[in-house]
Amino acid sequence: MVRVIQEDVEPTCFEQAIRNPKWDNAMNEEMAALDANATRELVALPKDKEAIGCKWVYKIKHNADGSMCRYKARLVAKSYAQTYGIDYL
């Protein structure tokens, strides 16, 4: 059995992640992927609406042998705040 000592920890908030260049790079890669895949579109918010929030989720990915593979950051919408027919169809 291979035991790996984890030197890096997954941040719990953006403020922790932005201080580490590895996590900052992972967030930049995620934003580039969103742009490349045309996953999002910035539009003006109607006056009578509130924006749906989002948050970053951080994970350290590992290989099958337990060694660290990469830092992965995901930007996810707080979908629990959305209402069908109003915020999405």
N, C-alpha and C. Protein backbone atom coordinates (compact mmCIF):
# COMPACT_ATOMS: atom_id res chain seq x y z
N MET A 1 0.84 -1.18 0.00
CA MET A 1 0.00 0.00 0.00
C MET A 1 0.88 1.24 0.00
N VAL A 2 0.59 2.14 -0.90
CA VAL A 2 1.36 3.38 -1.01
C VAL A 2 0.65 4.45 -0.20
N ARG A 3 1.40 5.08 0.68
CA ARG A 3 0.84 6.19 1.46
C ARG A 3 1.44 7.48 0.96
N VAL A 4 0.58 8.43 0.68
CA VAL A 4 1.03 9.73 0.19
C VAL A 4 0.73 10.78 1.25
N ILE A 5 1.72 11.56 1.57
CA ILE A 5 1.52 12.66 2.51
C ILE A 5 1.10 13.87 1.69
N GLN A 6 -0.05 14.40 2.03
CA GLN A 6 -0.57 15.53 1.28
C GLN A 6 0.02 16.82 1.84
N GLU A 7 0.87 17.45 1.04
CA GLU A 7 1.51 18.69 1.47
C GLU A 7 0.56 19.87 1.30
N ASP A 8 -0.18 19.86 0.22
CA ASP A 8 -1.10 20.95 -0.06
C ASP A 8 -2.50 20.56 0.38
N VAL A 9 -3.25 21.53 0.80
CA VAL A 9 -4.64 21.29 1.19
C VAL A 9 -5.55 22.07 0.25
N GLU A 10 -6.77 21.58 0.13
CA GLU A 10 -7.74 22.26 -0.71
C GLU A 10 -8.28 23.47 0.03
N PRO A 11 -8.26 24.64 -0.60
CA PRO A 11 -8.79 25.84 0.06
C PRO A 11 -10.30 25.73 0.26
N THR A 12 -10.79 26.41 1.26
CA THR A 12 -12.23 26.42 1.53
C THR A 12 -12.91 27.68 1.03
N CYS A 13 -12.12 28.67 0.61
CA CYS A 13 -12.70 29.91 0.10
C CYS A 13 -11.75 30.55 -0.91
N PHE A 14 -12.30 31.49 -1.66
CA PHE A 14 -11.54 32.19 -2.70
C PHE A 14 -10.34 32.92 -2.11
N GLU A 15 -10.51 33.53 -0.95
CA GLU A 15 -9.43 34.31 -0.33
C GLU A 15 -8.21 33.44 -0.04
N GLN A 16 -8.42 32.19 0.35
CA GLN A 16 -7.30 31.28 0.57
C GLN A 16 -6.65 30.88 -0.74
N ALA A 17 -7.48 30.59 -1.74
CA ALA A 17 -6.98 30.09 -3.02
C ALA A 17 -6.18 31.13 -3.78
N ILE A 18 -6.61 32.37 -3.76
CA ILE A 18 -5.97 33.40 -4.57
C ILE A 18 -4.54 33.68 -4.11
N ARG A 19 -4.23 33.32 -2.87
CA ARG A 19 -2.87 33.53 -2.34
C ARG A 19 -1.86 32.50 -2.84
N ASN A 20 -2.35 31.40 -3.39
CA ASN A 20 -1.47 30.33 -3.85
C ASN A 20 -1.43 30.34 -5.38
N PRO A 21 -0.26 30.51 -5.98
CA PRO A 21 -0.16 30.57 -7.44
C PRO A 21 -0.70 29.33 -8.15
N LYS A 22 -0.61 28.16 -7.52
CA LYS A 22 -1.12 26.93 -8.14
C LYS A 22 -2.63 26.98 -8.27
N TRP A 23 -3.32 27.45 -7.23
CA TRP A 23 -4.78 27.55 -7.28
C TRP A 23 -5.20 28.71 -8.17
N ASP A 24 -4.44 29.80 -8.16
CA ASP A 24 -4.73 30.94 -9.04
C ASP A 24 -4.67 30.48 -10.50
N ASN A 25 -3.67 29.68 -10.83
CA ASN A 25 -3.54 29.14 -12.19
C ASN A 25 -4.72 28.22 -12.52
N ALA A 26 -5.14 27.40 -11.57
CA ALA A 26 -6.29 26.50 -11.79
C ALA A 26 -7.56 27.31 -12.06
N MET A 27 -7.75 28.42 -11.34
CA MET A 27 -8.93 29.26 -11.58
C MET A 27 -8.85 29.94 -12.95
N ASN A 28 -7.66 30.37 -13.34
CA ASN A 28 -7.49 30.97 -14.67
C ASN A 28 -7.78 29.95 -15.78
N GLU A 29 -7.36 28.69 -15.58
CA GLU A 29 -7.64 27.64 -16.55
C GLU A 29 -9.14 27.39 -16.68
N GLU A 30 -9.86 27.40 -15.56
CA GLU A 30 -11.31 27.21 -15.57
C GLU A 30 -12.00 28.35 -16.32
N MET A 31 -11.58 29.58 -16.07
CA MET A 31 -12.20 30.73 -16.76
C MET A 31 -11.90 30.66 -18.26
N ALA A 32 -10.69 30.25 -18.64
CA ALA A 32 -10.34 30.11 -20.06
C ALA A 32 -11.18 29.01 -20.71
N ALA A 33 -11.43 27.91 -19.99
CA ALA A 33 -12.25 26.83 -20.52
C ALA A 33 -13.70 27.28 -20.70
N LEU A 34 -14.23 28.05 -19.75
CA LEU A 34 -15.59 28.58 -19.88
C LEU A 34 -15.71 29.47 -21.11
N ASP A 35 -14.70 30.30 -21.34
CA ASP A 35 -14.71 31.18 -22.51
C ASP A 35 -14.56 30.38 -23.80
N ALA A 36 -13.65 29.42 -23.82
CA ALA A 36 -13.40 28.63 -25.03
C ALA A 36 -14.62 27.80 -25.43
N ASN A 37 -15.38 27.33 -24.44
CA ASN A 37 -16.56 26.52 -24.72
C ASN A 37 -17.84 27.33 -24.85
N ALA A 38 -17.71 28.66 -24.76
CA ALA A 38 -18.87 29.57 -24.82
C ALA A 38 -19.94 29.13 -23.82
N THR A 39 -19.51 28.77 -22.62
CA THR A 39 -20.41 28.28 -21.58
C THR A 39 -21.17 29.41 -20.90
N ARG A 40 -20.64 30.60 -20.97
CA ARG A 40 -21.28 31.73 -20.29
C ARG A 40 -21.35 32.92 -21.22
N GLU A 41 -22.23 33.81 -20.88
CA GLU A 41 -22.38 35.05 -21.64
C GLU A 41 -22.70 36.16 -20.66
N LEU A 42 -21.92 37.22 -20.71
CA LEU A 42 -22.16 38.34 -19.81
C LEU A 42 -23.23 39.24 -20.43
N VAL A 43 -24.28 39.49 -19.68
CA VAL A 43 -25.39 40.32 -20.14
C VAL A 43 -25.76 41.31 -19.03
N ALA A 44 -26.47 42.36 -19.43
CA ALA A 44 -26.94 43.34 -18.44
C ALA A 44 -28.07 42.69 -17.62
N LEU A 45 -28.04 42.93 -16.33
CA LEU A 45 -29.06 42.39 -15.44
C LEU A 45 -30.28 43.30 -15.47
N PRO A 46 -31.47 42.75 -15.70
CA PRO A 46 -32.68 43.58 -15.66
C PRO A 46 -32.82 44.25 -14.29
N LYS A 47 -33.42 45.42 -14.29
CA LYS A 47 -33.52 46.21 -13.06
C LYS A 47 -34.27 45.50 -11.94
N ASP A 48 -35.25 44.68 -12.27
CA ASP A 48 -36.07 44.03 -11.24
C ASP A 48 -35.57 42.63 -10.86
N LYS A 49 -34.36 42.26 -11.25
CA LYS A 49 -33.83 40.92 -10.98
C LYS A 49 -32.56 41.00 -10.13
N GLU A 50 -32.29 39.93 -9.41
CA GLU A 50 -31.05 39.81 -8.65
C GLU A 50 -30.19 38.73 -9.30
N ALA A 51 -28.90 38.93 -9.27
CA ALA A 51 -27.98 37.96 -9.87
C ALA A 51 -27.94 36.68 -9.04
N ILE A 52 -27.78 35.55 -9.72
CA ILE A 52 -27.57 34.27 -9.05
C ILE A 52 -26.10 34.20 -8.69
N GLY A 53 -25.82 33.86 -7.47
CA GLY A 53 -24.43 33.80 -7.02
C GLY A 53 -23.70 32.58 -7.55
N CYS A 54 -22.41 32.57 -7.36
CA CYS A 54 -21.59 31.43 -7.73
C CYS A 54 -20.50 31.26 -6.69
N LYS A 55 -19.85 30.11 -6.73
CA LYS A 55 -18.75 29.88 -5.81
C LYS A 55 -17.71 28.99 -6.48
N TRP A 56 -16.51 29.05 -5.96
CA TRP A 56 -15.42 28.21 -6.45
C TRP A 56 -15.36 26.95 -5.61
N VAL A 57 -15.13 25.82 -6.28
CA VAL A 57 -14.92 24.53 -5.61
C VAL A 57 -13.53 24.05 -6.01
N TYR A 58 -12.73 23.68 -5.03
CA TYR A 58 -11.33 23.31 -5.25
C TYR A 58 -11.10 21.84 -4.91
N LYS A 59 -10.39 21.14 -5.78
CA LYS A 59 -10.04 19.74 -5.54
C LYS A 59 -8.63 19.48 -6.04
N ILE A 60 -7.91 18.68 -5.29
CA ILE A 60 -6.62 18.19 -5.75
C ILE A 60 -6.88 16.82 -6.35
N LYS A 61 -6.56 16.66 -7.62
CA LYS A 61 -6.78 15.40 -8.32
C LYS A 61 -5.55 14.52 -8.16
N HIS A 62 -5.79 13.21 -7.98
CA HIS A 62 -4.70 12.26 -7.76
C HIS A 62 -4.70 11.18 -8.83
N ASN A 63 -3.52 10.65 -9.09
CA ASN A 63 -3.37 9.50 -9.98
C ASN A 63 -3.78 8.23 -9.23
N ALA A 64 -3.85 7.13 -9.95
CA ALA A 64 -4.25 5.85 -9.35
C ALA A 64 -3.30 5.42 -8.23
N ASP A 65 -2.03 5.80 -8.34
CA ASP A 65 -1.06 5.42 -7.31
C ASP A 65 -1.07 6.34 -6.09
N GLY A 66 -1.94 7.35 -6.12
CA GLY A 66 -2.05 8.26 -4.99
C GLY A 66 -1.23 9.53 -5.12
N SER A 67 -0.40 9.61 -6.14
CA SER A 67 0.39 10.82 -6.34
C SER A 67 -0.50 11.94 -6.87
N MET A 68 -0.10 13.17 -6.56
CA MET A 68 -0.88 14.31 -6.99
C MET A 68 -0.79 14.50 -8.49
N CYS A 69 -1.92 14.71 -9.13
CA CYS A 69 -1.98 14.87 -10.58
C CYS A 69 -2.07 16.35 -10.96
N ARG A 70 -3.06 17.05 -10.38
CA ARG A 70 -3.26 18.46 -10.72
C ARG A 70 -4.18 19.14 -9.73
N TYR A 71 -4.19 20.47 -9.81
CA TYR A 71 -5.11 21.29 -9.04
C TYR A 71 -6.29 21.61 -9.93
N LYS A 72 -7.51 21.40 -9.44
CA LYS A 72 -8.72 21.60 -10.24
C LYS A 72 -9.62 22.59 -9.52
N ALA A 73 -10.00 23.66 -10.21
CA ALA A 73 -10.93 24.64 -9.67
C ALA A 73 -12.16 24.67 -10.58
N ARG A 74 -13.33 24.68 -9.99
CA ARG A 74 -14.60 24.73 -10.73
C ARG A 74 -15.40 25.93 -10.25
N LEU A 75 -15.96 26.68 -11.18
CA LEU A 75 -16.86 27.77 -10.85
C LEU A 75 -18.28 27.24 -11.03
N VAL A 76 -19.04 27.20 -9.95
CA VAL A 76 -20.39 26.63 -10.00
C VAL A 76 -21.42 27.66 -9.56
N ALA A 77 -22.59 27.60 -10.21
CA ALA A 77 -23.70 28.48 -9.84
C ALA A 77 -24.38 27.94 -8.60
N LYS A 78 -24.89 28.83 -7.80
CA LYS A 78 -25.67 28.43 -6.63
C LYS A 78 -27.09 28.15 -7.11
N SER A 79 -27.25 26.98 -7.71
CA SER A 79 -28.50 26.66 -8.39
C SER A 79 -29.70 26.56 -7.45
N TYR A 80 -29.47 26.37 -6.17
CA TYR A 80 -30.58 26.30 -5.23
C TYR A 80 -31.33 27.64 -5.15
N ALA A 81 -30.71 28.71 -5.64
CA ALA A 81 -31.34 30.02 -5.60
C ALA A 81 -32.12 30.33 -6.88
N GLN A 82 -32.12 29.41 -7.85
CA GLN A 82 -32.79 29.63 -9.11
C GLN A 82 -34.23 29.14 -9.07
N THR A 83 -35.07 29.78 -9.88
CA THR A 83 -36.47 29.40 -9.99
C THR A 83 -36.76 29.09 -11.46
N TYR A 84 -37.32 27.90 -11.69
CA TYR A 84 -37.66 27.47 -13.06
C TYR A 84 -38.67 28.45 -13.66
N GLY A 85 -38.43 28.82 -14.91
CA GLY A 85 -39.32 29.75 -15.61
C GLY A 85 -38.98 31.20 -15.39
N ILE A 86 -38.19 31.47 -14.37
CA ILE A 86 -37.75 32.85 -14.10
C ILE A 86 -36.27 33.01 -14.41
N ASP A 87 -35.46 32.14 -13.81
CA ASP A 87 -34.02 32.21 -13.98
C ASP A 87 -33.51 31.32 -15.11
N TYR A 88 -34.26 30.28 -15.46
CA TYR A 88 -33.88 29.38 -16.53
C TYR A 88 -35.11 28.68 -17.06
N LEU A 89 -34.98 28.09 -18.27
CA LEU A 89 -36.10 27.34 -18.89
C LEU A 89 -35.68 25.92 -19.14
